[in-house]
């Protein structure tokens, strides 16, 4: 089973700063980051230079059934703030907002993203 060995921490504010030498689940890789799960259950990343991908064999491999990992989905987060002149009709502002939300939903659908737009 592939796991991540935390070998260092390039920033003391990262969630894994106190976990050097520990092994954590490997869920995938994205550019220069490994995707893993924190002890609290949240999916998070470890910078690639801070970890090493290792193969771990359970002590009782014959008695251990493989556990399926949950599917990891990544969504690029984008925040758009609109500012209008003070005297724009509220109906027009709502119309523009609704149009942009719909366009964002269509983009996410076309690109296979599972995102909500609010």
PDB file of N, CA and C in Angstrom:
ATOM      1  N   UNK A   1       0.853  -1.168   0.000  1.00  0.00           N
ATOM      2  CA  UNK A   1       0.000   0.000   0.000  1.00  0.00           C
ATOM      3  C   UNK A   1       0.907   1.241   0.000  1.00  0.00           C
ATOM      4  N   UNK A   2       0.612   2.188  -0.880  1.00  0.00           N
ATOM      5  CA  UNK A   2       1.417   3.409  -0.959  1.00  0.00           C
ATOM      6  C   UNK A   2       1.010   4.375   0.153  1.00  0.00           C
ATOM      7  N   UNK A   3       2.022   4.908   0.821  1.00  0.00           N
ATOM      8  CA  UNK A   3       1.820   5.868   1.911  1.00  0.00           C
ATOM      9  C   UNK A   3       2.843   6.989   1.728  1.00  0.00           C
ATOM     10  N   UNK A   4       2.689   8.047   2.518  1.00  0.00           N
ATOM     11  CA  UNK A   4       3.634   9.156   2.489  1.00  0.00           C
ATOM     12  C   UNK A   4       4.405   9.195   3.800  1.00  0.00           C
ATOM     13  N   UNK A   5       5.716   9.240   3.695  1.00  0.00           N
ATOM     14  CA  UNK A   5       6.568   9.433   4.861  1.00  0.00           C
ATOM     15  C   UNK A   5       6.911  10.912   4.910  1.00  0.00           C
ATOM     16  N   UNK A   6       6.517  11.583   5.972  1.00  0.00           N
ATOM     17  CA  UNK A   6       6.796  13.016   6.106  1.00  0.00           C
ATOM     18  C   UNK A   6       8.258  13.156   6.522  1.00  0.00           C
ATOM     19  N   UNK A   7       9.069  13.758   5.647  1.00  0.00           N
ATOM     20  CA  UNK A   7      10.512  13.850   5.869  1.00  0.00           C
ATOM     21  C   UNK A   7      10.969  15.233   6.316  1.00  0.00           C
ATOM     22  N   UNK A   8      10.110  16.207   6.198  1.00  0.00           N
ATOM     23  CA  UNK A   8      10.464  17.566   6.581  1.00  0.00           C
ATOM     24  C   UNK A   8       9.241  18.453   6.505  1.00  0.00           C
ATOM     25  N   UNK A   9       9.458  19.729   6.793  1.00  0.00           N
ATOM     26  CA  UNK A   9       8.358  20.695   6.716  1.00  0.00           C
ATOM     27  C   UNK A   9       8.948  22.048   6.359  1.00  0.00           C
ATOM     28  N   UNK A  10       8.684  22.514   5.160  1.00  0.00           N
ATOM     29  CA  UNK A  10       9.285  23.748   4.656  1.00  0.00           C
ATOM     30  C   UNK A  10       8.666  25.018   5.242  1.00  0.00           C
ATOM     31  N   UNK A  11       7.590  24.865   6.028  1.00  0.00           N
ATOM     32  CA  UNK A  11       6.959  26.031   6.657  1.00  0.00           C
ATOM     33  C   UNK A  11       6.338  25.565   7.976  1.00  0.00           C
ATOM     34  N   UNK A  12       6.728  26.188   9.053  1.00  0.00           N
ATOM     35  CA  UNK A  12       6.275  25.748  10.381  1.00  0.00           C
ATOM     36  C   UNK A  12       4.779  25.918  10.603  1.00  0.00           C
ATOM     37  N   UNK A  13       4.094  26.617   9.705  1.00  0.00           N
ATOM     38  CA  UNK A  13       2.643  26.787   9.879  1.00  0.00           C
ATOM     39  C   UNK A  13       1.836  25.696   9.170  1.00  0.00           C
ATOM     40  N   UNK A  14       2.494  24.808   8.417  1.00  0.00           N
ATOM     41  CA  UNK A  14       1.773  23.723   7.749  1.00  0.00           C
ATOM     42  C   UNK A  14       1.227  22.736   8.772  1.00  0.00           C
ATOM     43  N   UNK A  15       0.137  22.077   8.449  1.00  0.00           N
ATOM     44  CA  UNK A  15      -0.545  21.177   9.383  1.00  0.00           C
ATOM     45  C   UNK A  15       0.335  20.016   9.808  1.00  0.00           C
ATOM     46  N   UNK A  16       1.317  19.645   9.017  1.00  0.00           N
ATOM     47  CA  UNK A  16       2.145  18.474   9.308  1.00  0.00           C
ATOM     48  C   UNK A  16       3.485  18.839   9.960  1.00  0.00           C
ATOM     49  N   UNK A  17       3.607  20.071  10.440  1.00  0.00           N
ATOM     50  CA  UNK A  17       4.872  20.525  11.027  1.00  0.00           C
ATOM     51  C   UNK A  17       5.335  19.631  12.184  1.00  0.00           C
ATOM     52  N   UNK A  18       4.425  19.145  12.997  1.00  0.00           N
ATOM     53  CA  UNK A  18       4.802  18.307  14.136  1.00  0.00           C
ATOM     54  C   UNK A  18       4.747  16.822  13.826  1.00  0.00           C
ATOM     55  N   UNK A  19       4.697  16.446  12.571  1.00  0.00           N
ATOM     56  CA  UNK A  19       4.509  15.035  12.204  1.00  0.00           C
ATOM     57  C   UNK A  19       5.672  14.470  11.391  1.00  0.00           C
ATOM     58  N   UNK A  20       6.836  15.104  11.429  1.00  0.00           N
ATOM     59  CA  UNK A  20       7.994  14.620  10.685  1.00  0.00           C
ATOM     60  C   UNK A  20       8.356  13.223  11.196  1.00  0.00           C
ATOM     61  N   UNK A  21       8.545  12.303  10.258  1.00  0.00           N
ATOM     62  CA  UNK A  21       8.847  10.917  10.596  1.00  0.00           C
ATOM     63  C   UNK A  21       7.619  10.026  10.620  1.00  0.00           C
ATOM     64  N   UNK A  22       6.434  10.608  10.549  1.00  0.00           N
ATOM     65  CA  UNK A  22       5.190   9.831  10.551  1.00  0.00           C
ATOM     66  C   UNK A  22       4.790   9.455   9.122  1.00  0.00           C
ATOM     67  N   UNK A  23       3.986   8.409   9.014  1.00  0.00           N
ATOM     68  CA  UNK A  23       3.471   7.937   7.735  1.00  0.00           C
ATOM     69  C   UNK A  23       1.979   8.247   7.681  1.00  0.00           C
ATOM     70  N   UNK A  24       1.531   8.811   6.547  1.00  0.00           N
ATOM     71  CA  UNK A  24       0.118   9.160   6.362  1.00  0.00           C
ATOM     72  C   UNK A  24      -0.363   8.589   5.033  1.00  0.00           C
ATOM     73  N   UNK A  25      -1.679   8.529   4.861  1.00  0.00           N
ATOM     74  CA  UNK A  25      -2.267   7.972   3.639  1.00  0.00           C
ATOM     75  C   UNK A  25      -1.890   8.801   2.414  1.00  0.00           C
ATOM     76  N   UNK A  26      -1.676   8.103   1.314  1.00  0.00           N
ATOM     77  CA  UNK A  26      -1.429   8.735   0.028  1.00  0.00           C
ATOM     78  C   UNK A  26      -2.707   8.611  -0.793  1.00  0.00           C
ATOM     79  N   UNK A  27      -3.306   9.750  -1.164  1.00  0.00           N
ATOM     80  CA  UNK A  27      -4.541   9.750  -1.951  1.00  0.00           C
ATOM     81  C   UNK A  27      -4.302  10.133  -3.408  1.00  0.00           C
ATOM     82  N   UNK A  28      -3.174  10.790  -3.676  1.00  0.00           N
ATOM     83  CA  UNK A  28      -2.896  11.204  -5.043  1.00  0.00           C
ATOM     84  C   UNK A  28      -1.826  12.272  -5.084  1.00  0.00           C
ATOM     85  N   UNK A  29      -1.576  12.751  -6.287  1.00  0.00           N
ATOM     86  CA  UNK A  29      -0.554  13.787  -6.457  1.00  0.00           C
ATOM     87  C   UNK A  29      -1.105  14.851  -7.393  1.00  0.00           C
ATOM     88  N   UNK A  30      -0.791  16.100  -7.103  1.00  0.00           N
ATOM     89  CA  UNK A  30      -1.223  17.218  -7.932  1.00  0.00           C
ATOM     90  C   UNK A  30      -0.059  18.186  -8.057  1.00  0.00           C
ATOM     91  N   UNK A  31       0.510  18.264  -9.235  1.00  0.00           N
ATOM     92  CA  UNK A  31       1.678  19.114  -9.499  1.00  0.00           C
ATOM     93  C   UNK A  31       2.788  18.830  -8.501  1.00  0.00           C
ATOM     94  N   UNK A  32       3.117  19.774  -7.621  1.00  0.00           N
ATOM     95  CA  UNK A  32       4.221  19.601  -6.664  1.00  0.00           C
ATOM     96  C   UNK A  32       3.703  19.328  -5.245  1.00  0.00           C
ATOM     97  N   UNK A  33       2.546  18.682  -5.161  1.00  0.00           N
ATOM     98  CA  UNK A  33       1.940  18.393  -3.860  1.00  0.00           C
ATOM     99  C   UNK A  33       1.401  16.968  -3.830  1.00  0.00           C
ATOM    100  N   UNK A  34       1.483  16.346  -2.668  1.00  0.00           N
ATOM    101  CA  UNK A  34       0.829  15.069  -2.445  1.00  0.00           C
ATOM    102  C   UNK A  34      -0.520  15.349  -1.790  1.00  0.00           C
ATOM    103  N   UNK A  35      -1.537  14.589  -2.146  1.00  0.00           N
ATOM    104  CA  UNK A  35      -2.853  14.730  -1.527  1.00  0.00           C
ATOM    105  C   UNK A  35      -2.975  13.633  -0.482  1.00  0.00           C
ATOM    106  N   UNK A  36      -3.384  14.011   0.718  1.00  0.00           N
ATOM    107  CA  UNK A  36      -3.486  13.083   1.834  1.00  0.00           C
ATOM    108  C   UNK A  36      -4.685  13.447   2.692  1.00  0.00           C
ATOM    109  N   UNK A  37      -4.807  12.755   3.803  1.00  0.00           N
ATOM    110  CA  UNK A  37      -5.886  13.039   4.746  1.00  0.00           C
ATOM    111  C   UNK A  37      -5.256  13.327   6.103  1.00  0.00           C
ATOM    112  N   UNK A  38      -5.622  14.467   6.680  1.00  0.00           N
ATOM    113  CA  UNK A  38      -5.147  14.821   8.022  1.00  0.00           C
ATOM    114  C   UNK A  38      -5.750  13.863   9.050  1.00  0.00           C
ATOM    115  N   UNK A  39      -5.151  13.771  10.240  1.00  0.00           N
ATOM    116  CA  UNK A  39      -5.744  12.943  11.292  1.00  0.00           C
ATOM    117  C   UNK A  39      -7.177  13.351  11.636  1.00  0.00           C
ATOM    118  N   UNK A  40      -7.512  14.622  11.446  1.00  0.00           N
ATOM    119  CA  UNK A  40      -8.866  15.094  11.750  1.00  0.00           C
ATOM    120  C   UNK A  40      -9.873  14.663  10.686  1.00  0.00           C
ATOM    121  N   UNK A  41      -9.380  14.097   9.563  1.00  0.00           N
ATOM    122  CA  UNK A  41     -10.277  13.603   8.527  1.00  0.00           C
ATOM    123  C   UNK A  41     -10.365  14.465   7.288  1.00  0.00           C
ATOM    124  N   UNK A  42      -9.830  15.685   7.344  1.00  0.00           N
ATOM    125  CA  UNK A  42      -9.897  16.577   6.193  1.00  0.00           C
ATOM    126  C   UNK A  42      -8.870  16.182   5.138  1.00  0.00           C
ATOM    127  N   UNK A  43      -9.243  16.302   3.864  1.00  0.00           N
ATOM    128  CA  UNK A  43      -8.283  16.102   2.785  1.00  0.00           C
ATOM    129  C   UNK A  43      -7.421  17.357   2.723  1.00  0.00           C
ATOM    130  N   UNK A  44      -6.104  17.159   2.637  1.00  0.00           N
ATOM    131  CA  UNK A  44      -5.175  18.280   2.616  1.00  0.00           C
ATOM    132  C   UNK A  44      -3.975  17.889   1.764  1.00  0.00           C
ATOM    133  N   UNK A  45      -2.998  18.770   1.694  1.00  0.00           N
ATOM    134  CA  UNK A  45      -1.819  18.508   0.871  1.00  0.00           C
ATOM    135  C   UNK A  45      -0.559  18.517   1.727  1.00  0.00           C
ATOM    136  N   UNK A  46       0.476  17.869   1.182  1.00  0.00           N
ATOM    137  CA  UNK A  46       1.835  17.958   1.719  1.00  0.00           C
ATOM    138  C   UNK A  46       2.701  18.348   0.530  1.00  0.00           C
ATOM    139  N   UNK A  47       3.527  19.356   0.687  1.00  0.00           N
ATOM    140  CA  UNK A  47       4.421  19.767  -0.391  1.00  0.00           C
ATOM    141  C   UNK A  47       5.344  18.603  -0.735  1.00  0.00           C
ATOM    142  N   UNK A  48       5.540  18.332  -2.028  1.00  0.00           N
ATOM    143  CA  UNK A  48       6.330  17.181  -2.476  1.00  0.00           C
ATOM    144  C   UNK A  48       7.740  17.135  -1.876  1.00  0.00           C
ATOM    145  N   UNK A  49       8.452  18.257  -1.739  1.00  0.00           N
ATOM    146  CA  UNK A  49       9.788  18.168  -1.137  1.00  0.00           C
ATOM    147  C   UNK A  49       9.765  17.758   0.340  1.00  0.00           C
ATOM    148  N   UNK A  50       8.594  17.823   0.975  1.00  0.00           N
ATOM    149  CA  UNK A  50       8.484  17.519   2.408  1.00  0.00           C
ATOM    150  C   UNK A  50       8.092  16.068   2.688  1.00  0.00           C
ATOM    151  N   UNK A  51       7.905  15.244   1.658  1.00  0.00           N
ATOM    152  CA  UNK A  51       7.464  13.867   1.878  1.00  0.00           C
ATOM    153  C   UNK A  51       8.053  12.941   0.831  1.00  0.00           C
ATOM    154  N   UNK A  52       8.017  11.660   1.151  1.00  0.00           N
ATOM    155  CA  UNK A  52       8.511  10.627   0.248  1.00  0.00           C
ATOM    156  C   UNK A  52       7.436   9.555   0.120  1.00  0.00           C
ATOM    157  N   UNK A  53       7.159   9.139  -1.102  1.00  0.00           N
ATOM    158  CA  UNK A  53       6.189   8.083  -1.353  1.00  0.00           C
ATOM    159  C   UNK A  53       6.854   6.746  -1.034  1.00  0.00           C
ATOM    160  N   UNK A  54       6.249   5.974  -0.128  1.00  0.00           N
ATOM    161  CA  UNK A  54       6.821   4.694   0.284  1.00  0.00           C
ATOM    162  C   UNK A  54       5.774   3.597   0.156  1.00  0.00           C
ATOM    163  N   UNK A  55       6.246   2.368   0.036  1.00  0.00           N
ATOM    164  CA  UNK A  55       5.365   1.201  -0.016  1.00  0.00           C
ATOM    165  C   UNK A  55       5.362   0.576   1.374  1.00  0.00           C
ATOM    166  N   UNK A  56       4.172   0.399   1.944  1.00  0.00           N
ATOM    167  CA  UNK A  56       4.034  -0.173   3.282  1.00  0.00           C
ATOM    168  C   UNK A  56       3.264  -1.476   3.160  1.00  0.00           C
ATOM    169  N   UNK A  57       3.799  -2.521   3.778  1.00  0.00           N
ATOM    170  CA  UNK A  57       3.144  -3.834   3.770  1.00  0.00           C
ATOM    171  C   UNK A  57       2.632  -4.097   5.180  1.00  0.00           C
ATOM    172  N   UNK A  58       1.316  -4.333   5.340  1.00  0.00           N
ATOM    173  CA  UNK A  58       0.775  -4.624   6.665  1.00  0.00           C
ATOM    174  C   UNK A  58       1.424  -5.876   7.262  1.00  0.00           C
ATOM    175  N   UNK A  59       1.548  -5.921   8.588  1.00  0.00           N
ATOM    176  CA  UNK A  59       2.163  -7.058   9.267  1.00  0.00           C
ATOM    177  C   UNK A  59       1.435  -8.356   8.937  1.00  0.00           C
ATOM    178  N   UNK A  60       0.128  -8.334   8.833  1.00  0.00           N
ATOM    179  CA  UNK A  60      -0.670  -9.508   8.501  1.00  0.00           C
ATOM    180  C   UNK A  60      -1.330  -9.288   7.150  1.00  0.00           C
ATOM    181  N   UNK A  61      -0.505  -9.188   6.110  1.00  0.00           N
ATOM    182  CA  UNK A  61      -1.011  -8.854   4.776  1.00  0.00           C
ATOM    183  C   UNK A  61      -2.073  -9.838   4.293  1.00  0.00           C
ATOM    184  N   UNK A  62      -1.919 -11.112   4.592  1.00  0.00           N
ATOM    185  CA  UNK A  62      -2.879 -12.110   4.113  1.00  0.00           C
ATOM    186  C   UNK A  62      -4.239 -11.945   4.762  1.00  0.00           C
ATOM    187  N   UNK A  63      -4.286 -11.355   5.937  1.00  0.00           N
ATOM    188  CA  UNK A  63      -5.542 -11.206   6.671  1.00  0.00           C
ATOM    189  C   UNK A  63      -6.170  -9.829   6.468  1.00  0.00           C
ATOM    190  N   UNK A  64      -5.497  -8.973   5.745  1.00  0.00           N
ATOM    191  CA  UNK A  64      -5.967  -7.601   5.585  1.00  0.00           C
ATOM    192  C   UNK A  64      -6.646  -7.426   4.239  1.00  0.00           C
ATOM    193  N   UNK A  65      -7.915  -7.074   4.246  1.00  0.00           N
ATOM    194  CA  UNK A  65      -8.647  -6.803   3.006  1.00  0.00           C
ATOM    195  C   UNK A  65      -8.392  -5.361   2.601  1.00  0.00           C
ATOM    196  N   UNK A  66      -8.253  -5.097   1.313  1.00  0.00           N
ATOM    197  CA  UNK A  66      -8.043  -3.714   0.883  1.00  0.00           C
ATOM    198  C   UNK A  66      -9.262  -2.846   1.211  1.00  0.00           C
ATOM    199  N   UNK A  67      -8.984  -1.653   1.679  1.00  0.00           N
ATOM    200  CA  UNK A  67     -10.045  -0.705   2.011  1.00  0.00           C
ATOM    201  C   UNK A  67     -10.109   0.325   0.890  1.00  0.00           C
ATOM    202  N   UNK A  68     -11.260   0.474   0.242  1.00  0.00           N
ATOM    203  CA  UNK A  68     -11.336   1.455  -0.842  1.00  0.00           C
ATOM    204  C   UNK A  68     -11.197   2.875  -0.302  1.00  0.00           C
ATOM    205  N   UNK A  69     -10.396   3.651  -0.990  1.00  0.00           N
ATOM    206  CA  UNK A  69     -10.209   5.052  -0.618  1.00  0.00           C
ATOM    207  C   UNK A  69     -11.337   5.882  -1.214  1.00  0.00           C
ATOM    208  N   UNK A  70     -11.792   6.910  -0.499  1.00  0.00           N
ATOM    209  CA  UNK A  70     -12.819   7.771  -1.087  1.00  0.00           C
ATOM    210  C   UNK A  70     -12.243   8.526  -2.280  1.00  0.00           C
ATOM    211  N   UNK A  71     -13.101   8.814  -3.225  1.00  0.00           N
ATOM    212  CA  UNK A  71     -12.673   9.554  -4.404  1.00  0.00           C
ATOM    213  C   UNK A  71     -12.344  10.983  -3.997  1.00  0.00           C
ATOM    214  N   UNK A  72     -11.233  11.491  -4.479  1.00  0.00           N
ATOM    215  CA  UNK A  72     -10.819  12.857  -4.173  1.00  0.00           C
ATOM    216  C   UNK A  72     -11.171  13.725  -5.368  1.00  0.00           C
ATOM    217  N   UNK A  73     -11.886  14.786  -5.119  1.00  0.00           N
ATOM    218  CA  UNK A  73     -12.234  15.715  -6.177  1.00  0.00           C
ATOM    219  C   UNK A  73     -11.587  17.042  -5.868  1.00  0.00           C
ATOM    220  N   UNK A  74     -11.066  17.668  -6.886  1.00  0.00           N
ATOM    221  CA  UNK A  74     -10.426  18.963  -6.708  1.00  0.00           C
ATOM    222  C   UNK A  74     -11.207  19.983  -7.525  1.00  0.00           C
ATOM    223  N   UNK A  75     -11.449  21.086  -6.938  1.00  0.00           N
ATOM    224  CA  UNK A  75     -12.192  22.144  -7.607  1.00  0.00           C
ATOM    225  C   UNK A  75     -11.410  23.432  -7.430  1.00  0.00           C
ATOM    226  N   UNK A  76     -11.136  24.107  -8.514  1.00  0.00           N
ATOM    227  CA  UNK A  76     -10.470  25.395  -8.415  1.00  0.00           C
ATOM    228  C   UNK A  76     -11.478  26.411  -7.895  1.00  0.00           C
ATOM    229  N   UNK A  77     -11.118  27.048  -6.808  1.00  0.00           N
ATOM    230  CA  UNK A  77     -12.018  28.021  -6.203  1.00  0.00           C
ATOM    231  C   UNK A  77     -11.751  29.394  -6.795  1.00  0.00           C
ATOM    232  N   UNK A  78     -12.802  30.039  -7.184  1.00  0.00           N
ATOM    233  CA  UNK A  78     -12.700  31.378  -7.749  1.00  0.00           C
ATOM    234  C   UNK A  78     -13.724  32.247  -7.046  1.00  0.00           C
ATOM    235  N   UNK A  79     -13.291  33.395  -6.593  1.00  0.00           N
ATOM    236  CA  UNK A  79     -14.228  34.327  -5.971  1.00  0.00           C
ATOM    237  C   UNK A  79     -14.243  35.592  -6.811  1.00  0.00           C
ATOM    238  N   UNK A  80     -15.419  35.991  -7.206  1.00  0.00           N
ATOM    239  CA  UNK A  80     -15.580  37.192  -8.006  1.00  0.00           C
ATOM    240  C   UNK A  80     -16.484  38.139  -7.234  1.00  0.00           C
ATOM    241  N   UNK A  81     -16.004  39.348  -7.049  1.00  0.00           N
ATOM    242  CA  UNK A  81     -16.825  40.364  -6.389  1.00  0.00           C
ATOM    243  C   UNK A  81     -17.133  41.443  -7.417  1.00  0.00           C
ATOM    244  N   UNK A  82     -18.374  41.822  -7.472  1.00  0.00           N
ATOM    245  CA  UNK A  82     -18.794  42.857  -8.400  1.00  0.00           C
ATOM    246  C   UNK A  82     -19.100  44.128  -7.629  1.00  0.00           C
ATOM    247  N   UNK A  83     -18.704  45.237  -8.195  1.00  0.00           N
ATOM    248  CA  UNK A  83     -19.116  46.502  -7.598  1.00  0.00           C
ATOM    249  C   UNK A  83     -19.787  47.322  -8.698  1.00  0.00           C
ATOM    250  N   UNK A  84     -20.906  47.904  -8.351  1.00  0.00           N
ATOM    251  CA  UNK A  84     -21.689  48.676  -9.300  1.00  0.00           C
ATOM    252  C   UNK A  84     -21.723  50.128  -8.841  1.00  0.00           C
ATOM    253  N   UNK A  85     -21.966  51.040  -9.785  1.00  0.00           N
ATOM    254  CA  UNK A  85     -22.156  52.439  -9.373  1.00  0.00           C
ATOM    255  C   UNK A  85     -23.338  52.531  -8.400  1.00  0.00           C
ATOM    256  N   UNK A  86     -23.324  53.532  -7.567  1.00  0.00           N
ATOM    257  CA  UNK A  86     -24.345  53.683  -6.536  1.00  0.00           C
ATOM    258  C   UNK A  86     -25.766  53.739  -7.087  1.00  0.00           C
ATOM    259  N   UNK A  87     -25.948  54.176  -8.291  1.00  0.00           N
ATOM    260  CA  UNK A  87     -27.307  54.401  -8.789  1.00  0.00           C
ATOM    261  C   UNK A  87     -27.745  53.393  -9.840  1.00  0.00           C
ATOM    262  N   UNK A  88     -27.241  52.174  -9.783  1.00  0.00           N
ATOM    263  CA  UNK A  88     -27.682  51.154 -10.740  1.00  0.00           C
ATOM    264  C   UNK A  88     -28.968  50.529 -10.203  1.00  0.00           C
ATOM    265  N   UNK A  89     -29.944  50.267 -11.055  1.00  0.00           N
ATOM    266  CA  UNK A  89     -31.185  49.645 -10.584  1.00  0.00           C
ATOM    267  C   UNK A  89     -30.903  48.259  -9.997  1.00  0.00           C
ATOM    268  N   UNK A  90     -31.521  47.956  -8.878  1.00  0.00           N
ATOM    269  CA  UNK A  90     -31.305  46.688  -8.194  1.00  0.00           C
ATOM    270  C   UNK A  90     -31.656  45.504  -9.088  1.00  0.00           C
ATOM    271  N   UNK A  91     -32.671  45.660  -9.920  1.00  0.00           N
ATOM    272  CA  UNK A  91     -33.060  44.585 -10.838  1.00  0.00           C
ATOM    273  C   UNK A  91     -31.932  44.229 -11.806  1.00  0.00           C
ATOM    274  N   UNK A  92     -31.215  45.237 -12.290  1.00  0.00           N
ATOM    275  CA  UNK A  92     -30.109  45.009 -13.211  1.00  0.00           C
ATOM    276  C   UNK A  92     -28.958  44.303 -12.485  1.00  0.00           C
ATOM    277  N   UNK A  93     -28.666  44.725 -11.278  1.00  0.00           N
ATOM    278  CA  UNK A  93     -27.606  44.084 -10.496  1.00  0.00           C
ATOM    279  C   UNK A  93     -27.937  42.612 -10.261  1.00  0.00           C
ATOM    280  N   UNK A  94     -29.188  42.310  -9.935  1.00  0.00           N
ATOM    281  CA  UNK A  94     -29.608  40.917  -9.717  1.00  0.00           C
ATOM    282  C   UNK A  94     -29.511  40.109 -11.009  1.00  0.00           C
ATOM    283  N   UNK A  95     -29.874  40.739 -12.128  1.00  0.00           N
ATOM    284  CA  UNK A  95     -29.809  40.068 -13.422  1.00  0.00           C
ATOM    285  C   UNK A  95     -28.367  39.704 -13.787  1.00  0.00           C
ATOM    286  N   UNK A  96     -27.459  40.651 -13.580  1.00  0.00           N
ATOM    287  CA  UNK A  96     -26.039  40.400 -13.870  1.00  0.00           C
ATOM    288  C   UNK A  96     -25.518  39.281 -12.978  1.00  0.00           C
ATOM    289  N   UNK A  97     -25.856  39.307 -11.685  1.00  0.00           N
ATOM    290  CA  UNK A  97     -25.419  38.264 -10.756  1.00  0.00           C
ATOM    291  C   UNK A  97     -25.927  36.889 -11.155  1.00  0.00           C
ATOM    292  N   UNK A  98     -27.202  36.815 -11.560  1.00  0.00           N
ATOM    293  CA  UNK A  98     -27.785  35.538 -11.978  1.00  0.00           C
ATOM    294  C   UNK A  98     -27.105  35.026 -13.248  1.00  0.00           C
ATOM    295  N   UNK A  99     -26.819  35.923 -14.177  1.00  0.00           N
ATOM    296  CA  UNK A  99     -26.140  35.537 -15.414  1.00  0.00           C
ATOM    297  C   UNK A  99     -24.756  34.965 -15.106  1.00  0.00           C
ATOM    298  N   UNK A 100     -23.994  35.636 -14.246  1.00  0.00           N
ATOM    299  CA  UNK A 100     -22.641  35.173 -13.921  1.00  0.00           C
ATOM    300  C   UNK A 100     -22.665  33.836 -13.183  1.00  0.00           C
ATOM    301  N   UNK A 101     -23.625  33.642 -12.285  1.00  0.00           N
ATOM    302  CA  UNK A 101     -23.745  32.354 -11.585  1.00  0.00           C
ATOM    303  C   UNK A 101     -24.009  31.228 -12.577  1.00  0.00           C
ATOM    304  N   UNK A 102     -24.920  31.473 -13.524  1.00  0.00           N
ATOM    305  CA  UNK A 102     -25.255  30.449 -14.517  1.00  0.00           C
ATOM    306  C   UNK A 102     -24.055  30.138 -15.403  1.00  0.00           C
ATOM    307  N   UNK A 103     -23.321  31.166 -15.828  1.00  0.00           N
ATOM    308  CA  UNK A 103     -22.125  30.951 -16.651  1.00  0.00           C
ATOM    309  C   UNK A 103     -21.082  30.137 -15.884  1.00  0.00           C
ATOM    310  N   UNK A 104     -20.904  30.414 -14.602  1.00  0.00           N
ATOM    311  CA  UNK A 104     -19.951  29.656 -13.781  1.00  0.00           C
ATOM    312  C   UNK A 104     -20.382  28.194 -13.655  1.00  0.00           C
ATOM    313  N   UNK A 105     -21.678  27.960 -13.468  1.00  0.00           N
ATOM    314  CA  UNK A 105     -22.192  26.588 -13.378  1.00  0.00           C
ATOM    315  C   UNK A 105     -21.973  25.844 -14.698  1.00  0.00           C
ATOM    316  N   UNK A 106     -22.216  26.498 -15.818  1.00  0.00           N
ATOM    317  CA  UNK A 106     -22.002  25.873 -17.130  1.00  0.00           C
ATOM    318  C   UNK A 106     -20.532  25.547 -17.344  1.00  0.00           C
ATOM    319  N   UNK A 107     -19.641  26.467 -16.944  1.00  0.00           N
ATOM    320  CA  UNK A 107     -18.208  26.221 -17.078  1.00  0.00           C
ATOM    321  C   UNK A 107     -17.812  25.001 -16.248  1.00  0.00           C
ATOM    322  N   UNK A 108     -18.272  24.939 -15.002  1.00  0.00           N
ATOM    323  CA  UNK A 108     -17.939  23.815 -14.130  1.00  0.00           C
ATOM    324  C   UNK A 108     -18.440  22.504 -14.729  1.00  0.00           C
ATOM    325  N   UNK A 109     -19.630  22.521 -15.286  1.00  0.00           N
ATOM    326  CA  UNK A 109     -20.204  21.321 -15.906  1.00  0.00           C
ATOM    327  C   UNK A 109     -19.375  20.875 -17.108  1.00  0.00           C
ATOM    328  N   UNK A 110     -18.987  21.833 -17.956  1.00  0.00           N
ATOM    329  CA  UNK A 110     -18.190  21.509 -19.156  1.00  0.00           C
ATOM    330  C   UNK A 110     -16.821  20.948 -18.790  1.00  0.00           C
ATOM    331  N   UNK A 111     -16.265  21.374 -17.657  1.00  0.00           N
ATOM    332  CA  UNK A 111     -14.922  20.959 -17.261  1.00  0.00           C
ATOM    333  C   UNK A 111     -14.931  19.838 -16.226  1.00  0.00           C
ATOM    334  N   UNK A 112     -16.073  19.230 -16.020  1.00  0.00           N
ATOM    335  CA  UNK A 112     -16.147  18.082 -15.127  1.00  0.00           C
ATOM    336  C   UNK A 112     -15.951  18.423 -13.661  1.00  0.00           C
ATOM    337  N   UNK A 113     -16.172  19.656 -13.299  1.00  0.00           N
ATOM    338  CA  UNK A 113     -16.022  20.063 -11.901  1.00  0.00           C
ATOM    339  C   UNK A 113     -17.326  19.827 -11.156  1.00  0.00           C
ATOM    340  N   UNK A 114     -17.220  19.372  -9.942  1.00  0.00           N
ATOM    341  CA  UNK A 114     -18.403  19.158  -9.107  1.00  0.00           C
ATOM    342  C   UNK A 114     -18.423  20.286  -8.082  1.00  0.00           C
ATOM    343  N   UNK A 115     -18.887  21.440  -8.503  1.00  0.00           N
ATOM    344  CA  UNK A 115     -18.817  22.641  -7.662  1.00  0.00           C
ATOM    345  C   UNK A 115     -20.182  23.284  -7.535  1.00  0.00           C
ATOM    346  N   UNK A 116     -20.348  23.975  -6.448  1.00  0.00           N
ATOM    347  CA  UNK A 116     -21.573  24.756  -6.294  1.00  0.00           C
ATOM    348  C   UNK A 116     -21.223  26.227  -6.429  1.00  0.00           C
ATOM    349  N   UNK A 117     -22.119  26.976  -6.943  1.00  0.00           N
ATOM    350  CA  UNK A 117     -21.915  28.402  -7.151  1.00  0.00           C
ATOM    351  C   UNK A 117     -22.959  29.133  -6.325  1.00  0.00           C
ATOM    352  N   UNK A 118     -22.473  30.057  -5.498  1.00  0.00           N
ATOM    353  CA  UNK A 118     -23.430  30.812  -4.676  1.00  0.00           C
ATOM    354  C   UNK A 118     -23.162  32.292  -4.789  1.00  0.00           C
TER     355      UNK A 118
END
